[in-house]
N, C-alpha and C. Protein backbone atom coordinates (compact mmCIF):
# COMPACT_ATOMS: atom_id res chain seq x y z
N UNK A 1 30.84 -54.98 43.53
CA UNK A 1 30.47 -56.38 43.58
C UNK A 1 29.90 -56.82 42.24
N UNK A 2 29.84 -58.13 42.00
CA UNK A 2 29.21 -58.66 40.80
C UNK A 2 27.71 -58.68 40.99
N UNK A 3 26.98 -58.05 40.09
CA UNK A 3 25.53 -57.99 40.21
C UNK A 3 24.89 -59.13 39.43
N UNK A 4 23.67 -59.56 39.84
CA UNK A 4 22.98 -60.63 39.12
C UNK A 4 22.67 -60.22 37.68
N UNK A 5 22.54 -61.19 36.77
CA UNK A 5 22.28 -60.87 35.36
C UNK A 5 20.81 -60.51 35.14
N UNK A 6 20.41 -59.30 35.52
CA UNK A 6 19.04 -58.85 35.32
C UNK A 6 18.97 -57.98 34.08
N UNK A 7 18.02 -58.26 33.21
CA UNK A 7 17.83 -57.37 32.06
C UNK A 7 17.22 -56.06 32.56
N UNK A 8 17.36 -54.98 31.81
CA UNK A 8 16.75 -53.72 32.25
C UNK A 8 15.25 -53.84 32.53
N UNK A 9 14.52 -54.53 31.65
CA UNK A 9 13.08 -54.66 31.85
C UNK A 9 12.77 -55.46 33.10
N UNK A 10 13.55 -56.52 33.34
CA UNK A 10 13.30 -57.35 34.53
C UNK A 10 13.60 -56.55 35.79
N UNK A 11 14.68 -55.78 35.78
CA UNK A 11 15.02 -54.96 36.94
C UNK A 11 13.92 -53.94 37.21
N UNK A 12 13.45 -53.28 36.16
CA UNK A 12 12.45 -52.23 36.33
C UNK A 12 11.10 -52.77 36.79
N UNK A 13 10.76 -53.97 36.38
CA UNK A 13 9.43 -54.50 36.72
C UNK A 13 9.43 -55.38 37.96
N UNK A 14 10.58 -55.67 38.52
CA UNK A 14 10.61 -56.51 39.73
C UNK A 14 11.27 -55.81 40.92
N UNK A 15 11.53 -54.52 40.78
CA UNK A 15 11.99 -53.75 41.94
C UNK A 15 10.74 -53.34 42.71
N UNK A 16 10.44 -54.07 43.74
CA UNK A 16 9.20 -53.91 44.49
C UNK A 16 9.48 -53.27 45.85
N UNK A 17 8.44 -52.73 46.45
CA UNK A 17 8.53 -52.25 47.82
C UNK A 17 8.65 -53.48 48.73
N UNK A 18 9.70 -53.51 49.53
CA UNK A 18 9.95 -54.66 50.40
C UNK A 18 9.73 -54.22 51.85
N UNK A 19 8.83 -54.87 52.53
CA UNK A 19 8.54 -54.52 53.92
C UNK A 19 8.72 -55.73 54.83
N UNK A 20 7.87 -56.74 54.64
CA UNK A 20 7.92 -57.91 55.52
C UNK A 20 9.17 -58.76 55.30
N UNK A 21 9.74 -58.67 54.13
CA UNK A 21 10.85 -59.57 53.79
C UNK A 21 12.22 -58.94 53.96
N UNK A 22 12.28 -57.79 54.60
CA UNK A 22 13.58 -57.21 54.92
C UNK A 22 14.23 -58.03 56.03
N UNK A 23 15.49 -58.39 55.83
CA UNK A 23 16.23 -59.15 56.84
C UNK A 23 16.78 -58.18 57.88
N UNK A 24 16.19 -58.18 59.05
CA UNK A 24 16.56 -57.22 60.09
C UNK A 24 17.81 -57.62 60.86
N UNK A 25 18.34 -58.79 60.59
CA UNK A 25 19.45 -59.31 61.39
C UNK A 25 20.77 -59.39 60.62
N UNK A 26 20.73 -59.16 59.33
CA UNK A 26 21.95 -59.27 58.51
C UNK A 26 22.51 -57.87 58.24
N UNK A 27 23.74 -57.66 58.60
CA UNK A 27 24.36 -56.35 58.39
C UNK A 27 24.55 -56.07 56.90
N UNK A 28 24.38 -54.82 56.54
CA UNK A 28 24.60 -54.39 55.15
C UNK A 28 25.92 -53.63 55.09
N UNK A 29 26.88 -54.09 54.29
CA UNK A 29 28.16 -53.39 54.21
C UNK A 29 28.00 -51.96 53.69
N UNK A 30 28.69 -51.03 54.31
CA UNK A 30 28.60 -49.64 53.87
C UNK A 30 29.11 -49.48 52.44
N UNK A 31 30.08 -50.29 52.04
CA UNK A 31 30.59 -50.21 50.67
C UNK A 31 29.47 -50.48 49.67
N UNK A 32 28.54 -51.37 50.03
CA UNK A 32 27.43 -51.70 49.14
C UNK A 32 26.46 -50.52 49.04
N UNK A 33 26.20 -49.89 50.15
CA UNK A 33 25.33 -48.70 50.15
C UNK A 33 25.97 -47.59 49.32
N UNK A 34 27.28 -47.43 49.45
CA UNK A 34 27.98 -46.41 48.67
C UNK A 34 27.86 -46.70 47.16
N UNK A 35 27.97 -47.97 46.78
CA UNK A 35 27.81 -48.33 45.37
C UNK A 35 26.44 -47.90 44.87
N UNK A 36 25.43 -48.15 45.67
CA UNK A 36 24.06 -47.80 45.27
C UNK A 36 23.91 -46.28 45.14
N UNK A 37 24.54 -45.55 46.04
CA UNK A 37 24.46 -44.09 45.98
C UNK A 37 25.23 -43.53 44.78
N UNK A 38 26.32 -44.19 44.40
CA UNK A 38 27.05 -43.76 43.20
C UNK A 38 26.16 -43.89 41.97
N UNK A 39 25.32 -44.94 41.95
CA UNK A 39 24.36 -45.09 40.86
C UNK A 39 23.25 -44.05 40.99
N UNK A 40 22.81 -43.81 42.22
CA UNK A 40 21.71 -42.87 42.45
C UNK A 40 22.01 -41.50 41.86
N UNK A 41 23.24 -41.03 42.06
CA UNK A 41 23.55 -39.66 41.67
C UNK A 41 23.88 -39.52 40.18
N UNK A 42 23.66 -40.59 39.42
CA UNK A 42 23.70 -40.47 37.96
C UNK A 42 22.36 -39.99 37.42
N UNK A 43 21.38 -39.82 38.29
CA UNK A 43 20.06 -39.36 37.86
C UNK A 43 20.12 -37.90 37.41
N UNK A 44 19.14 -37.47 36.62
CA UNK A 44 19.10 -36.06 36.20
C UNK A 44 18.66 -35.16 37.34
N UNK A 45 19.04 -33.91 37.26
CA UNK A 45 18.54 -32.89 38.19
C UNK A 45 18.42 -31.58 37.44
N UNK A 46 17.52 -30.72 37.89
CA UNK A 46 17.27 -29.46 37.21
C UNK A 46 18.52 -28.61 37.08
N UNK A 47 18.83 -28.18 35.86
CA UNK A 47 20.02 -27.38 35.56
C UNK A 47 21.31 -28.04 36.03
N UNK A 48 21.26 -29.35 36.21
CA UNK A 48 22.41 -30.12 36.69
C UNK A 48 22.93 -29.58 38.03
N UNK A 49 22.02 -29.13 38.89
CA UNK A 49 22.44 -28.57 40.18
C UNK A 49 23.00 -29.62 41.12
N UNK A 50 22.45 -30.85 41.03
CA UNK A 50 22.91 -31.95 41.89
C UNK A 50 22.86 -31.52 43.38
N UNK A 51 21.73 -30.97 43.75
CA UNK A 51 21.59 -30.45 45.11
C UNK A 51 21.24 -31.49 46.16
N UNK A 52 21.26 -32.76 45.78
CA UNK A 52 20.90 -33.81 46.73
C UNK A 52 21.94 -33.98 47.82
N UNK A 53 21.47 -34.43 48.97
CA UNK A 53 22.32 -34.81 50.10
C UNK A 53 21.75 -36.11 50.65
N UNK A 54 22.64 -36.98 51.13
CA UNK A 54 22.20 -38.31 51.56
C UNK A 54 22.67 -38.57 52.99
N UNK A 55 21.74 -38.91 53.85
CA UNK A 55 22.07 -39.27 55.23
C UNK A 55 21.89 -40.78 55.35
N UNK A 56 22.95 -41.49 55.67
CA UNK A 56 22.90 -42.94 55.86
C UNK A 56 23.01 -43.21 57.36
N UNK A 57 21.95 -43.76 57.91
CA UNK A 57 21.87 -43.96 59.36
C UNK A 57 22.01 -45.45 59.68
N UNK A 58 23.06 -45.78 60.44
CA UNK A 58 23.27 -47.15 60.88
C UNK A 58 23.33 -47.26 62.40
N UNK A 59 23.53 -46.15 63.09
CA UNK A 59 23.60 -46.18 64.55
C UNK A 59 22.29 -46.69 65.13
N UNK A 60 22.33 -47.72 65.99
CA UNK A 60 21.09 -48.32 66.51
C UNK A 60 20.19 -47.34 67.24
N UNK A 61 20.77 -46.47 68.06
CA UNK A 61 19.95 -45.52 68.79
C UNK A 61 19.25 -44.52 67.90
N UNK A 62 19.97 -44.05 66.89
CA UNK A 62 19.38 -43.08 65.96
C UNK A 62 18.31 -43.75 65.10
N UNK A 63 18.59 -44.97 64.66
CA UNK A 63 17.57 -45.71 63.90
C UNK A 63 16.31 -45.92 64.73
N UNK A 64 16.49 -46.25 65.99
CA UNK A 64 15.34 -46.48 66.86
C UNK A 64 14.52 -45.20 67.03
N UNK A 65 15.20 -44.07 67.16
CA UNK A 65 14.49 -42.79 67.32
C UNK A 65 13.70 -42.45 66.07
N UNK A 66 14.32 -42.62 64.90
CA UNK A 66 13.61 -42.36 63.65
C UNK A 66 12.44 -43.33 63.50
N UNK A 67 12.69 -44.59 63.86
CA UNK A 67 11.64 -45.59 63.77
C UNK A 67 10.44 -45.25 64.64
N UNK A 68 10.67 -44.69 65.81
CA UNK A 68 9.56 -44.31 66.68
C UNK A 68 8.76 -43.16 66.09
N UNK A 69 9.46 -42.18 65.50
CA UNK A 69 8.73 -41.10 64.82
C UNK A 69 7.89 -41.67 63.67
N UNK A 70 8.47 -42.60 62.93
CA UNK A 70 7.74 -43.20 61.81
C UNK A 70 6.53 -43.97 62.33
N UNK A 71 6.71 -44.73 63.40
CA UNK A 71 5.61 -45.53 63.96
C UNK A 71 4.44 -44.62 64.36
N UNK A 72 4.77 -43.52 65.03
CA UNK A 72 3.73 -42.58 65.45
C UNK A 72 2.99 -42.01 64.24
N UNK A 73 3.74 -41.62 63.24
CA UNK A 73 3.15 -41.02 62.05
C UNK A 73 2.25 -42.02 61.34
N UNK A 74 2.70 -43.26 61.23
CA UNK A 74 1.89 -44.28 60.55
C UNK A 74 0.61 -44.55 61.34
N UNK A 75 0.71 -44.60 62.66
CA UNK A 75 -0.48 -44.85 63.49
C UNK A 75 -1.54 -43.78 63.26
N UNK A 76 -1.12 -42.52 63.21
CA UNK A 76 -2.07 -41.43 62.98
C UNK A 76 -2.64 -41.51 61.56
N UNK A 77 -1.79 -41.84 60.62
CA UNK A 77 -2.20 -41.97 59.22
C UNK A 77 -3.24 -43.07 59.06
N UNK A 78 -2.99 -44.22 59.68
CA UNK A 78 -3.92 -45.34 59.58
C UNK A 78 -5.23 -45.03 60.29
N UNK A 79 -5.15 -44.38 61.43
CA UNK A 79 -6.35 -44.04 62.19
C UNK A 79 -7.24 -43.06 61.42
N UNK A 80 -6.60 -42.20 60.64
CA UNK A 80 -7.34 -41.22 59.85
C UNK A 80 -7.90 -41.82 58.55
N UNK A 81 -7.65 -43.10 58.33
CA UNK A 81 -8.17 -43.76 57.14
C UNK A 81 -7.30 -43.61 55.91
N UNK A 82 -6.05 -43.16 56.10
CA UNK A 82 -5.18 -42.95 54.96
C UNK A 82 -4.48 -44.19 54.47
N UNK A 83 -4.51 -45.26 55.23
CA UNK A 83 -3.80 -46.48 54.85
C UNK A 83 -4.34 -47.06 53.56
N UNK A 84 -3.45 -47.65 52.77
CA UNK A 84 -3.86 -48.27 51.51
C UNK A 84 -4.87 -49.38 51.69
N UNK A 85 -4.96 -49.94 52.91
CA UNK A 85 -5.90 -51.03 53.16
C UNK A 85 -7.34 -50.60 52.98
N UNK A 86 -7.60 -49.31 53.08
CA UNK A 86 -8.98 -48.81 52.98
C UNK A 86 -9.43 -48.55 51.55
N UNK A 87 -8.54 -48.70 50.59
CA UNK A 87 -8.87 -48.36 49.20
C UNK A 87 -9.55 -49.50 48.46
N UNK A 88 -10.37 -49.14 47.46
CA UNK A 88 -10.98 -50.07 46.51
C UNK A 88 -11.81 -51.17 47.19
N UNK A 89 -12.55 -50.81 48.22
CA UNK A 89 -13.37 -51.79 48.92
C UNK A 89 -14.50 -52.33 48.06
N UNK A 90 -14.84 -51.62 46.97
CA UNK A 90 -15.91 -52.09 46.08
C UNK A 90 -15.41 -53.03 44.99
N UNK A 91 -14.12 -53.32 45.01
CA UNK A 91 -13.53 -54.22 44.02
C UNK A 91 -12.83 -55.34 44.79
N UNK A 92 -13.44 -56.54 44.86
CA UNK A 92 -12.89 -57.62 45.70
C UNK A 92 -11.44 -57.97 45.39
N UNK A 93 -11.08 -57.99 44.11
CA UNK A 93 -9.71 -58.35 43.75
C UNK A 93 -8.72 -57.30 44.25
N UNK A 94 -9.01 -56.05 43.97
CA UNK A 94 -8.09 -54.99 44.39
C UNK A 94 -8.14 -54.79 45.90
N UNK A 95 -9.29 -55.02 46.50
CA UNK A 95 -9.40 -54.87 47.96
C UNK A 95 -8.49 -55.85 48.67
N UNK A 96 -8.37 -57.06 48.14
CA UNK A 96 -7.49 -58.05 48.77
C UNK A 96 -6.03 -57.65 48.64
N UNK A 97 -5.65 -57.12 47.48
CA UNK A 97 -4.29 -56.63 47.30
C UNK A 97 -4.03 -55.49 48.29
N UNK A 98 -4.98 -54.57 48.41
CA UNK A 98 -4.80 -53.44 49.31
C UNK A 98 -4.73 -53.88 50.77
N UNK A 99 -5.48 -54.93 51.11
CA UNK A 99 -5.41 -55.45 52.48
C UNK A 99 -3.99 -55.91 52.79
N UNK A 100 -3.37 -56.60 51.83
CA UNK A 100 -2.01 -57.07 52.05
C UNK A 100 -1.03 -55.90 52.11
N UNK A 101 -1.26 -54.88 51.26
CA UNK A 101 -0.41 -53.70 51.30
C UNK A 101 -0.49 -53.03 52.66
N UNK A 102 -1.71 -52.86 53.16
CA UNK A 102 -1.88 -52.24 54.47
C UNK A 102 -1.24 -53.04 55.58
N UNK A 103 -1.37 -54.35 55.51
CA UNK A 103 -0.78 -55.22 56.53
C UNK A 103 0.74 -55.12 56.51
N UNK A 104 1.33 -55.11 55.33
CA UNK A 104 2.79 -55.05 55.25
C UNK A 104 3.29 -53.67 55.65
N UNK A 105 2.53 -52.62 55.33
CA UNK A 105 2.92 -51.27 55.73
C UNK A 105 2.91 -51.14 57.25
N UNK A 106 1.91 -51.72 57.89
CA UNK A 106 1.85 -51.69 59.36
C UNK A 106 3.01 -52.47 59.96
N UNK A 107 3.37 -53.58 59.31
CA UNK A 107 4.50 -54.39 59.78
C UNK A 107 5.78 -53.58 59.76
N UNK A 108 6.02 -52.88 58.64
CA UNK A 108 7.24 -52.07 58.54
C UNK A 108 7.22 -50.93 59.54
N UNK A 109 6.06 -50.33 59.76
CA UNK A 109 5.98 -49.21 60.70
C UNK A 109 6.41 -49.63 62.10
N UNK A 110 6.12 -50.85 62.47
CA UNK A 110 6.50 -51.33 63.79
C UNK A 110 7.98 -51.69 63.87
N UNK A 111 8.62 -51.87 62.73
CA UNK A 111 10.00 -52.37 62.73
C UNK A 111 10.99 -51.44 62.01
N UNK A 112 10.53 -50.27 61.65
CA UNK A 112 11.40 -49.36 60.90
C UNK A 112 12.74 -49.15 61.62
N UNK A 113 12.68 -48.97 62.91
CA UNK A 113 13.90 -48.71 63.66
C UNK A 113 14.85 -49.88 63.75
N UNK A 114 14.39 -51.07 63.35
CA UNK A 114 15.24 -52.27 63.38
C UNK A 114 15.92 -52.56 62.05
N UNK A 115 15.52 -51.83 61.00
CA UNK A 115 16.13 -52.05 59.69
C UNK A 115 17.59 -51.61 59.75
N UNK A 116 18.52 -52.43 59.24
CA UNK A 116 19.95 -52.15 59.42
C UNK A 116 20.44 -50.80 58.88
N UNK A 117 19.84 -50.35 57.77
CA UNK A 117 20.27 -49.09 57.17
C UNK A 117 19.03 -48.25 56.82
N UNK A 118 19.04 -47.01 57.27
CA UNK A 118 18.01 -46.05 56.87
C UNK A 118 18.68 -44.95 56.06
N UNK A 119 18.24 -44.80 54.82
CA UNK A 119 18.79 -43.76 53.95
C UNK A 119 17.76 -42.65 53.83
N UNK A 120 18.16 -41.43 54.15
CA UNK A 120 17.27 -40.29 54.03
C UNK A 120 17.79 -39.40 52.90
N UNK A 121 16.97 -39.29 51.86
CA UNK A 121 17.33 -38.47 50.69
C UNK A 121 16.87 -37.03 50.94
N UNK A 122 17.80 -36.11 50.79
CA UNK A 122 17.53 -34.70 51.09
C UNK A 122 17.89 -33.82 49.90
N UNK A 123 17.42 -32.60 49.97
CA UNK A 123 17.69 -31.64 48.90
C UNK A 123 17.99 -30.28 49.54
N UNK A 124 19.02 -29.63 49.04
CA UNK A 124 19.29 -28.26 49.50
C UNK A 124 18.27 -27.31 48.87
N UNK A 125 17.63 -26.52 49.70
CA UNK A 125 16.61 -25.57 49.26
C UNK A 125 17.02 -24.20 49.78
N UNK A 126 17.19 -23.19 48.92
CA UNK A 126 17.63 -21.87 49.38
C UNK A 126 16.78 -21.37 50.55
N UNK A 127 17.45 -21.08 51.65
CA UNK A 127 16.75 -20.60 52.83
C UNK A 127 15.95 -21.66 53.55
N UNK A 128 15.91 -22.88 52.99
CA UNK A 128 15.13 -23.94 53.60
C UNK A 128 13.63 -23.80 53.41
N UNK A 129 13.20 -22.80 52.64
CA UNK A 129 11.77 -22.54 52.45
C UNK A 129 11.28 -23.18 51.15
N UNK A 130 10.28 -24.02 51.26
CA UNK A 130 9.70 -24.64 50.08
C UNK A 130 8.81 -23.63 49.37
N UNK A 131 8.81 -23.62 48.04
CA UNK A 131 7.97 -22.67 47.30
C UNK A 131 6.50 -22.93 47.54
N UNK A 132 5.70 -21.87 47.50
CA UNK A 132 4.27 -22.01 47.76
C UNK A 132 3.53 -22.64 46.59
N UNK A 133 4.06 -22.50 45.40
CA UNK A 133 3.37 -23.00 44.21
C UNK A 133 3.75 -24.44 43.87
N UNK A 134 3.76 -24.72 42.59
CA UNK A 134 4.06 -26.07 42.10
C UNK A 134 5.49 -26.46 42.46
N UNK A 135 5.63 -27.58 43.17
CA UNK A 135 6.95 -28.02 43.61
C UNK A 135 7.49 -29.17 42.77
N UNK A 136 6.83 -29.47 41.65
CA UNK A 136 7.25 -30.61 40.84
C UNK A 136 8.70 -30.48 40.38
N UNK A 137 9.08 -29.28 39.95
CA UNK A 137 10.45 -29.09 39.48
C UNK A 137 11.46 -29.27 40.58
N UNK A 138 11.10 -28.82 41.79
CA UNK A 138 12.00 -28.96 42.92
C UNK A 138 12.27 -30.42 43.24
N UNK A 139 11.22 -31.17 43.52
CA UNK A 139 11.40 -32.56 43.92
C UNK A 139 11.79 -33.45 42.74
N UNK A 140 11.51 -32.97 41.53
CA UNK A 140 11.96 -33.70 40.35
C UNK A 140 13.47 -33.74 40.23
N UNK A 141 14.16 -32.92 41.03
CA UNK A 141 15.62 -32.96 41.05
C UNK A 141 16.17 -33.90 42.12
N UNK A 142 15.27 -34.57 42.84
CA UNK A 142 15.71 -35.52 43.86
C UNK A 142 15.13 -36.91 43.65
N UNK A 143 13.84 -36.98 43.33
CA UNK A 143 13.17 -38.27 43.35
C UNK A 143 13.67 -39.26 42.30
N UNK A 144 14.10 -38.83 41.10
CA UNK A 144 14.71 -39.81 40.19
C UNK A 144 15.94 -40.48 40.79
N UNK A 145 16.70 -39.75 41.59
CA UNK A 145 17.87 -40.33 42.23
C UNK A 145 17.47 -41.36 43.28
N UNK A 146 16.34 -41.11 43.95
CA UNK A 146 15.85 -42.09 44.93
C UNK A 146 15.49 -43.39 44.23
N UNK A 147 14.85 -43.28 43.07
CA UNK A 147 14.48 -44.50 42.33
C UNK A 147 15.74 -45.20 41.80
N UNK A 148 16.72 -44.43 41.34
CA UNK A 148 17.99 -45.03 40.94
C UNK A 148 18.59 -45.85 42.09
N UNK A 149 18.52 -45.28 43.29
CA UNK A 149 19.06 -45.98 44.46
C UNK A 149 18.33 -47.31 44.67
N UNK A 150 17.00 -47.29 44.56
CA UNK A 150 16.23 -48.52 44.75
C UNK A 150 16.58 -49.57 43.70
N UNK A 151 16.76 -49.13 42.46
CA UNK A 151 17.13 -50.07 41.39
C UNK A 151 18.51 -50.66 41.62
N UNK A 152 19.45 -49.81 42.00
CA UNK A 152 20.80 -50.28 42.27
C UNK A 152 20.82 -51.26 43.44
N UNK A 153 20.02 -50.98 44.45
CA UNK A 153 19.93 -51.88 45.59
C UNK A 153 19.37 -53.24 45.18
N UNK A 154 18.30 -53.23 44.41
CA UNK A 154 17.70 -54.48 43.93
C UNK A 154 18.71 -55.30 43.14
N UNK A 155 19.49 -54.63 42.30
CA UNK A 155 20.48 -55.33 41.49
C UNK A 155 21.58 -55.96 42.34
N UNK A 156 21.71 -55.49 43.58
CA UNK A 156 22.76 -56.00 44.48
C UNK A 156 22.21 -56.85 45.61
N UNK A 157 20.97 -57.30 45.45
CA UNK A 157 20.40 -58.20 46.44
C UNK A 157 19.83 -57.52 47.67
N UNK A 158 19.58 -56.22 47.58
CA UNK A 158 19.03 -55.48 48.70
C UNK A 158 17.59 -55.08 48.41
N UNK A 159 16.79 -55.05 49.46
CA UNK A 159 15.41 -54.62 49.35
C UNK A 159 15.26 -53.21 49.92
N UNK A 160 14.32 -52.46 49.36
CA UNK A 160 14.06 -51.10 49.83
C UNK A 160 12.56 -50.85 49.84
N UNK A 161 12.18 -49.79 50.53
CA UNK A 161 10.80 -49.31 50.49
C UNK A 161 10.85 -47.79 50.45
N UNK A 162 10.13 -47.21 49.53
CA UNK A 162 10.09 -45.75 49.42
C UNK A 162 9.04 -45.25 50.40
N UNK A 163 9.44 -44.54 51.43
CA UNK A 163 8.49 -44.04 52.42
C UNK A 163 8.71 -42.54 52.63
N UNK A 164 7.67 -41.89 53.17
CA UNK A 164 7.78 -40.46 53.45
C UNK A 164 6.98 -40.04 54.68
N UNK A 165 6.36 -40.97 55.38
CA UNK A 165 5.53 -40.60 56.53
C UNK A 165 6.34 -39.99 57.67
N UNK A 166 7.65 -40.21 57.66
CA UNK A 166 8.48 -39.59 58.69
C UNK A 166 8.43 -38.07 58.62
N UNK A 167 8.00 -37.54 57.46
CA UNK A 167 8.01 -36.09 57.27
C UNK A 167 7.02 -35.37 58.18
N UNK A 168 6.10 -36.10 58.78
CA UNK A 168 5.25 -35.50 59.81
C UNK A 168 6.12 -34.92 60.93
N UNK A 169 7.26 -35.57 61.13
CA UNK A 169 8.21 -35.15 62.16
C UNK A 169 9.52 -34.70 61.53
N UNK A 170 9.41 -34.02 60.39
CA UNK A 170 10.62 -33.63 59.68
C UNK A 170 11.54 -32.77 60.55
N UNK A 171 10.98 -31.80 61.25
CA UNK A 171 11.82 -30.90 62.06
C UNK A 171 12.52 -31.68 63.18
N UNK A 172 11.78 -32.56 63.84
CA UNK A 172 12.39 -33.33 64.93
C UNK A 172 13.52 -34.22 64.43
N UNK A 173 13.30 -34.85 63.26
CA UNK A 173 14.34 -35.72 62.71
C UNK A 173 15.51 -34.89 62.21
N UNK A 174 15.24 -33.71 61.66
CA UNK A 174 16.32 -32.82 61.23
C UNK A 174 17.20 -32.45 62.43
N UNK A 175 16.58 -32.15 63.55
CA UNK A 175 17.35 -31.82 64.76
C UNK A 175 18.14 -33.03 65.24
N UNK A 176 17.52 -34.19 65.19
CA UNK A 176 18.19 -35.42 65.61
C UNK A 176 19.45 -35.66 64.79
N UNK A 177 19.37 -35.36 63.49
CA UNK A 177 20.48 -35.63 62.57
C UNK A 177 21.40 -34.43 62.36
N UNK A 178 21.05 -33.30 62.95
CA UNK A 178 21.89 -32.12 62.80
C UNK A 178 21.87 -31.52 61.41
N UNK A 179 20.73 -31.60 60.73
CA UNK A 179 20.66 -31.08 59.36
C UNK A 179 20.66 -29.55 59.36
N UNK A 180 21.37 -28.94 58.41
CA UNK A 180 21.32 -27.48 58.27
C UNK A 180 19.91 -27.02 57.90
N UNK A 181 19.63 -25.75 58.12
CA UNK A 181 18.30 -25.19 57.86
C UNK A 181 17.91 -25.28 56.39
N UNK A 182 18.90 -25.27 55.49
CA UNK A 182 18.57 -25.26 54.07
C UNK A 182 18.49 -26.67 53.46
N UNK A 183 18.51 -27.69 54.30
CA UNK A 183 18.41 -29.07 53.81
C UNK A 183 17.05 -29.64 54.20
N UNK A 184 16.27 -30.03 53.18
CA UNK A 184 14.94 -30.59 53.41
C UNK A 184 14.91 -32.06 53.01
N UNK A 185 14.17 -32.83 53.76
CA UNK A 185 14.10 -34.27 53.52
C UNK A 185 13.03 -34.59 52.49
N UNK A 186 13.30 -35.59 51.65
CA UNK A 186 12.35 -35.97 50.61
C UNK A 186 11.85 -37.39 50.71
N UNK A 187 12.66 -38.30 51.25
CA UNK A 187 12.25 -39.70 51.33
C UNK A 187 13.09 -40.42 52.38
N UNK A 188 12.50 -41.42 52.96
CA UNK A 188 13.19 -42.32 53.90
C UNK A 188 13.16 -43.71 53.28
N UNK A 189 14.34 -44.28 53.04
CA UNK A 189 14.43 -45.56 52.34
C UNK A 189 15.08 -46.61 53.25
N UNK A 190 14.27 -47.43 53.94
CA UNK A 190 14.85 -48.54 54.69
C UNK A 190 15.52 -49.50 53.71
N UNK A 191 16.70 -49.98 54.09
CA UNK A 191 17.50 -50.80 53.18
C UNK A 191 18.04 -52.00 53.93
N UNK A 192 17.84 -53.19 53.37
CA UNK A 192 18.34 -54.41 53.99
C UNK A 192 18.38 -55.52 52.94
N UNK A 193 19.11 -56.57 53.25
CA UNK A 193 18.99 -57.78 52.44
C UNK A 193 17.55 -58.28 52.57
N UNK A 194 17.08 -58.99 51.56
CA UNK A 194 15.73 -59.52 51.64
C UNK A 194 15.76 -61.04 51.67
N UNK A 195 14.69 -61.63 52.14
CA UNK A 195 14.56 -63.08 52.18
C UNK A 195 13.77 -63.55 50.97
N UNK A 196 14.13 -64.72 50.43
CA UNK A 196 13.45 -65.23 49.24
C UNK A 196 13.83 -64.44 48.01
N UNK A 197 13.31 -64.87 46.86
CA UNK A 197 13.61 -64.16 45.62
C UNK A 197 12.51 -64.44 44.60
N UNK A 198 11.30 -64.05 44.95
CA UNK A 198 10.16 -64.32 44.08
C UNK A 198 9.52 -63.03 43.59
N UNK A 199 10.30 -61.99 43.44
CA UNK A 199 9.74 -60.73 42.97
C UNK A 199 9.32 -60.86 41.51
N UNK A 200 8.17 -60.31 41.21
CA UNK A 200 7.64 -60.38 39.85
C UNK A 200 6.84 -59.11 39.57
N UNK A 201 6.54 -58.84 38.30
CA UNK A 201 5.75 -57.66 37.99
C UNK A 201 4.42 -57.68 38.73
N UNK A 202 3.98 -56.51 39.17
CA UNK A 202 2.74 -56.39 39.92
C UNK A 202 1.56 -56.14 38.98
N UNK A 203 0.36 -56.55 39.36
CA UNK A 203 -0.81 -56.22 38.54
C UNK A 203 -1.02 -54.72 38.51
N UNK A 204 -1.35 -54.21 37.37
CA UNK A 204 -1.56 -52.78 37.20
C UNK A 204 -2.84 -52.52 36.39
N UNK A 205 -3.37 -51.33 36.51
CA UNK A 205 -4.53 -50.93 35.71
C UNK A 205 -4.14 -51.01 34.23
N UNK A 206 -5.00 -51.55 33.38
CA UNK A 206 -4.67 -51.64 31.95
C UNK A 206 -4.30 -50.28 31.37
N UNK A 207 -3.30 -50.28 30.52
CA UNK A 207 -2.82 -49.03 29.94
C UNK A 207 -3.93 -48.28 29.22
N UNK A 208 -4.88 -49.05 28.60
CA UNK A 208 -5.96 -48.41 27.85
C UNK A 208 -6.81 -47.50 28.74
N UNK A 209 -6.81 -47.74 30.04
CA UNK A 209 -7.64 -46.95 30.95
C UNK A 209 -6.95 -45.66 31.40
N UNK A 210 -5.66 -45.54 31.14
CA UNK A 210 -4.94 -44.37 31.64
C UNK A 210 -4.16 -43.62 30.55
N UNK A 211 -4.19 -44.14 29.33
CA UNK A 211 -3.47 -43.52 28.23
C UNK A 211 -4.37 -42.55 27.48
N UNK A 212 -3.87 -41.34 27.23
CA UNK A 212 -4.60 -40.32 26.47
C UNK A 212 -3.70 -39.82 25.35
N UNK A 213 -4.15 -39.90 24.14
CA UNK A 213 -3.35 -39.47 23.00
C UNK A 213 -3.77 -38.08 22.56
N UNK A 214 -2.83 -37.17 22.52
CA UNK A 214 -3.02 -35.80 22.07
C UNK A 214 -3.82 -34.94 23.05
N UNK A 215 -4.89 -35.46 23.63
CA UNK A 215 -5.68 -34.71 24.61
C UNK A 215 -6.46 -35.70 25.45
N UNK A 216 -7.08 -35.19 26.55
CA UNK A 216 -7.86 -36.06 27.44
C UNK A 216 -9.05 -36.63 26.69
């Protein structure tokens, strides 16, 4: 399809997490999802292994089942105080932003199963066993592709949200989807057309507060 004329900087700074504005009633063509995945797999991977696997879920019953697992996981997460709404309470400006983040996250948790397309990004792991030590190299071979997918979706008028709370029920969802033992899930990306078009760069901590030259 013809994509909107977005500059690289505009695409990178306006690809936002979309929760409340996902259109739950408009079907997403599979050809469009495939286009996004073709862009996704141009990402780098360790030793060029390209061990990623992608599960695209459109069946209503399966989406509903995954959505229920996600809802349960989010409820426990929020009850334990893990929700973003609880952060930065001593900073009124950031607290208000976090309140909105928490509200939109709760909204998506209740409606995850209604999103037209759920994309689950997976990685083949020998024996299915995750290493006990630093896993940065392992997931570094999958997560850039997930971000590529989000960028490609944004360029095509689709909204996404990078989520992972479903992993509380990773085994149950693996059984639901018939995943082999050596395939591990890394992210759940709800995908839909979005309403409105007012995405803009988000406020961020000043670079001077997080930049370290040569050493800490």
